[in-house]
Protein backbone atom coordinates (compact mmCIF):
# COMPACT_ATOMS: atom_id res chain seq x y z
CA MET A 1 20.89 6.12 42.20
CA THR A 2 23.95 4.38 40.82
CA PRO A 3 24.23 2.85 37.35
CA GLY A 4 22.97 -0.72 37.27
CA ASP A 5 20.66 -0.12 40.24
CA PRO A 6 18.04 -2.93 40.12
CA SER A 7 15.32 -0.62 41.47
CA LYS A 8 15.68 1.62 38.42
CA PRO A 9 13.86 0.52 35.24
CA PRO A 10 16.11 -0.10 32.25
CA SER A 11 16.53 2.74 29.78
CA TYR A 12 16.17 2.21 26.06
CA GLY A 13 17.86 4.14 23.29
CA VAL A 14 17.15 4.62 19.61
CA MET A 15 19.56 3.46 16.93
CA PHE A 16 19.64 4.73 13.37
CA PHE A 17 21.07 2.73 10.51
CA PHE A 18 22.12 4.34 7.27
CA THR A 19 22.83 2.36 4.14
CA LYS A 20 23.75 3.28 0.62
CA LYS A 21 20.85 3.29 -1.78
CA LYS A 22 21.25 1.00 -4.76
CA GLU A 23 20.34 2.56 -8.05
CA GLY A 24 16.77 1.80 -9.13
CA THR A 25 15.58 0.54 -5.73
CA THR A 26 13.22 2.00 -3.16
CA GLN A 27 14.71 2.27 0.29
CA PHE A 28 12.65 2.80 3.42
CA THR A 29 13.39 3.56 7.04
CA ASP A 30 11.28 2.37 9.98
CA GLN A 31 9.64 5.79 10.12
CA ASP A 32 8.61 5.49 6.47
CA LEU A 33 6.98 2.10 7.01
CA LEU A 34 5.34 1.87 10.39
CA CYS A 35 2.01 3.25 11.59
CA LYS A 36 0.85 4.16 8.09
CA PHE A 37 -2.44 3.34 6.39
CA VAL A 38 -1.94 0.92 3.53
CA PHE A 39 -4.05 0.96 0.35
CA ASP A 40 -4.15 -1.35 -2.65
CA SER A 41 -3.81 -0.13 -6.23
CA SER A 42 -7.57 0.43 -6.55
CA GLY A 43 -7.59 2.69 -3.48
CA ALA A 44 -9.19 0.19 -1.06
CA LYS A 45 -7.79 0.34 2.48
CA LEU A 46 -5.93 -2.83 3.42
CA GLY A 47 -5.14 -1.81 7.00
CA GLU A 48 -2.29 -0.25 8.97
CA SER A 49 1.38 -1.18 8.83
CA VAL A 50 2.56 -2.54 12.19
CA SER A 51 5.87 -4.26 11.56
CA PHE A 52 8.15 -5.77 8.98
CA MET A 53 10.01 -9.04 8.76
CA GLU A 54 12.75 -9.79 6.25
CA ASP A 55 11.44 -8.38 2.96
CA MET A 56 7.75 -8.25 3.98
CA LEU A 57 5.64 -5.43 5.40
CA ILE A 58 3.16 -6.62 8.06
CA VAL A 59 -0.27 -4.98 7.80
CA LYS A 60 -2.99 -5.30 10.45
CA ASN A 61 -6.25 -6.01 8.63
CA GLY A 62 -9.07 -6.26 11.18
CA ALA A 63 -8.16 -9.09 13.54
CA ARG A 64 -5.75 -10.64 11.03
CA PHE A 65 -2.36 -9.75 9.59
CA LEU A 66 -1.12 -9.56 6.00
CA GLY A 67 2.44 -9.93 4.74
CA VAL A 68 3.09 -7.78 1.67
CA PRO A 69 6.44 -7.84 -0.19
CA LEU A 70 8.33 -4.57 0.32
CA LYS A 71 9.22 -4.45 -3.38
CA HIS A 72 5.50 -3.81 -4.07
CA VAL A 73 5.17 -1.01 -1.48
CA GLN A 74 5.35 2.65 -2.47
CA ARG A 75 4.98 5.83 -0.40
CA LYS A 76 2.07 8.08 -1.29
CA ASP A 77 1.76 11.24 0.80
CA LYS A 78 1.33 10.03 4.40
CA SER A 79 0.22 6.51 3.48
CA LEU A 80 1.57 3.45 1.68
CA LEU A 81 0.37 2.04 -1.62
CA VAL A 82 0.70 -1.60 -2.67
CA LYS A 83 1.37 -1.81 -6.40
CA GLY A 84 -0.19 -4.67 -8.36
CA ILE A 85 -2.66 -7.32 -7.25
CA VAL A 86 -2.48 -8.61 -3.67
CA ASP A 87 -2.55 -12.41 -3.31
CA PHE A 88 -4.59 -12.48 -0.09
CA SER A 89 -4.17 -16.22 0.56
CA LYS A 90 -0.35 -15.88 0.59
CA ALA A 91 -0.51 -12.53 2.38
CA TYR A 92 -2.63 -13.99 5.21
CA GLU A 93 -0.40 -17.07 5.36
CA PHE A 94 2.71 -14.95 5.87
CA GLY A 95 0.85 -12.70 8.34
CA GLU A 96 -0.09 -15.73 10.44
CA LYS A 97 3.52 -16.96 10.37
CA TRP A 98 4.71 -13.52 11.55
CA GLN A 99 2.09 -13.49 14.32
CA LYS A 100 3.17 -16.93 15.60
CA ASP A 101 6.82 -15.90 15.52
CA ALA A 102 6.06 -12.63 17.34
CA ARG A 103 4.15 -14.46 20.07
CA ARG A 104 7.00 -16.92 20.49
CA GLU A 105 9.47 -14.05 21.03
CA MET A 106 7.41 -12.22 23.66
CA PRO A 107 7.91 -14.70 26.56
CA LEU A 108 11.67 -14.61 25.92
CA HIS A 109 11.60 -10.81 26.06
CA ASP A 110 9.58 -10.77 29.29
CA LYS A 111 11.84 -13.40 30.90
CA ASN A 112 14.99 -11.39 30.11
CA ARG A 113 13.48 -8.19 31.45
CA THR A 114 12.67 -9.64 34.91
CA GLU A 115 16.16 -11.02 35.45
């Protein structure tokens, strides 16, 4: 097969980004954030981290999604801990916004892949 052969599925690579850590801040990588169980400060399970958008961590909570500010997220062993009190009304609101935006992007992705 030659490069650019339309019968061959596209290949995908992995990119790593490294940034300088500012003093006094918590810095995460994708591996630190995604596919982790998320707990609140009282130890109750909020769900599992599935994505992030801007400065928010997206957590799948049952059939719904929560948006939690990254500045309130802390690593604890193999899970994530949300410090402070979670405002569920705002968290669900941001989670719904993320879900709508993610759905809007999917048809564009599928369209580009078939061309």
